[in-house]
Amino acid sequence: MKPETAAKLLHQKVDVDVTGCAQHYCLHCARYFVDLRSMKEHFKTKVHKRQLKKLREEPYTQAEAERAAGMGSYIQPKKVEVKTQDVEEDMA
């Protein structure tokens, strides 16, 4: 994800129609939370950890699809470093 997009999602304006007024958002799972405490608890769950594991693998490309179909040598996908986002305590 581009840093500009991530910054926009993390610093959204208050929206009363969204859970938690759109102030507590998990970038990796694309979920809103009611408060900071529930978001921190979410970071410890299996659901969040599984999503981080999925995001570590580089997305498939057309070249990789062609290699898998027998049009070249197989190259193992690269791993991407993904960490849980930083939480700003003064968001409330």
Protein backbone atom coordinates (compact mmCIF):
# COMPACT_ATOMS: atom_id res chain seq x y z
CA MET A 1 0.00 0.00 0.00
CA LYS A 2 1.25 3.45 -0.82
CA PRO A 3 2.21 5.60 2.19
CA GLU A 4 -0.12 8.40 1.04
CA THR A 5 -3.09 6.02 0.94
CA ALA A 6 -2.21 4.58 4.34
CA ALA A 7 -1.95 8.06 5.84
CA LYS A 8 -5.37 9.00 4.43
CA LEU A 9 -6.95 5.88 5.95
CA LEU A 10 -5.32 6.37 9.33
CA HIS A 11 -6.19 10.08 9.60
CA GLN A 12 -9.79 10.20 8.42
CA LYS A 13 -12.25 12.91 9.32
CA VAL A 14 -14.88 12.08 11.92
CA ASP A 15 -17.75 10.22 10.25
CA VAL A 16 -20.65 9.30 12.53
CA ASP A 17 -21.96 6.72 10.02
CA VAL A 18 -18.89 4.51 10.40
CA THR A 19 -17.99 2.37 13.41
CA GLY A 20 -15.89 4.34 15.91
CA CYS A 21 -16.44 7.52 13.89
CA ALA A 22 -13.76 6.28 11.44
CA GLN A 23 -10.97 7.00 13.91
CA HIS A 24 -9.72 3.44 14.60
CA TYR A 25 -8.87 1.56 11.39
CA CYS A 26 -6.76 -1.55 10.77
CA LEU A 27 -4.92 -1.15 7.46
CA HIS A 28 -4.18 -4.83 7.01
CA CYS A 29 -7.70 -6.17 7.67
CA ALA A 30 -9.64 -3.14 6.36
CA ARG A 31 -11.78 -2.96 9.52
CA TYR A 32 -13.01 -0.12 11.72
CA PHE A 33 -13.11 -0.45 15.51
CA VAL A 34 -15.19 1.22 18.19
CA ASP A 35 -12.23 2.34 20.29
CA LEU A 36 -8.46 2.10 20.62
CA ARG A 37 -8.66 -0.72 23.15
CA SER A 38 -10.64 -3.00 20.81
CA MET A 39 -8.22 -2.25 17.97
CA LYS A 40 -5.24 -3.21 20.15
CA GLU A 41 -7.03 -6.43 21.11
CA HIS A 42 -7.64 -7.12 17.42
CA PHE A 43 -3.89 -6.88 16.75
CA LYS A 44 -3.41 -9.90 19.05
CA THR A 45 -6.04 -12.11 17.36
CA LYS A 46 -5.55 -14.99 14.95
CA VAL A 47 -7.57 -13.20 12.27
CA HIS A 48 -5.13 -10.27 12.19
CA LYS A 49 -2.07 -12.51 12.32
CA ARG A 50 -3.37 -14.64 9.45
CA GLN A 51 -3.95 -11.54 7.37
CA LEU A 52 -0.38 -10.35 8.04
CA LYS A 53 0.90 -13.76 6.94
CA LYS A 54 -1.09 -13.53 3.68
CA LEU A 55 0.28 -10.06 2.99
CA ARG A 56 3.89 -11.20 3.41
CA GLU A 57 3.86 -13.05 0.08
CA GLU A 58 4.39 -10.94 -3.01
CA PRO A 59 1.30 -10.82 -5.28
CA TYR A 60 1.30 -13.00 -8.39
CA THR A 61 2.37 -11.48 -11.69
CA GLN A 62 1.67 -12.45 -15.29
CA ALA A 63 5.27 -13.62 -15.67
CA GLU A 64 4.87 -15.95 -12.69
CA ALA A 65 1.65 -17.36 -14.17
CA GLU A 66 3.45 -18.10 -17.44
CA ARG A 67 6.30 -19.83 -15.60
CA ALA A 68 3.79 -21.98 -13.72
CA ALA A 69 2.21 -22.96 -17.06
CA GLY A 70 5.54 -24.31 -18.30
CA MET A 71 6.77 -21.24 -20.16
CA GLY A 72 9.93 -20.75 -18.11
CA SER A 73 11.78 -21.70 -14.95
CA TYR A 74 10.06 -21.52 -11.59
CA ILE A 75 11.22 -18.72 -9.31
CA GLN A 76 10.04 -18.84 -5.73
CA PRO A 77 7.93 -15.79 -4.70
CA LYS A 78 9.65 -13.14 -2.63
CA LYS A 79 8.66 -12.38 0.93
CA VAL A 80 7.62 -8.84 1.86
CA GLU A 81 8.16 -7.43 5.35
CA VAL A 82 4.79 -6.60 6.93
CA LYS A 83 4.42 -5.30 10.48
CA THR A 84 1.39 -4.31 12.50
CA GLN A 85 0.72 -0.60 12.19
CA ASP A 86 1.78 1.81 14.92
CA VAL A 87 -0.97 2.99 17.23
CA GLU A 88 -1.17 6.64 18.17
CA GLU A 89 -2.28 6.87 21.80
CA ASP A 90 -3.58 10.44 21.52
CA MET A 91 -6.17 9.57 18.86
CA ALA A 92 -9.10 9.70 21.28
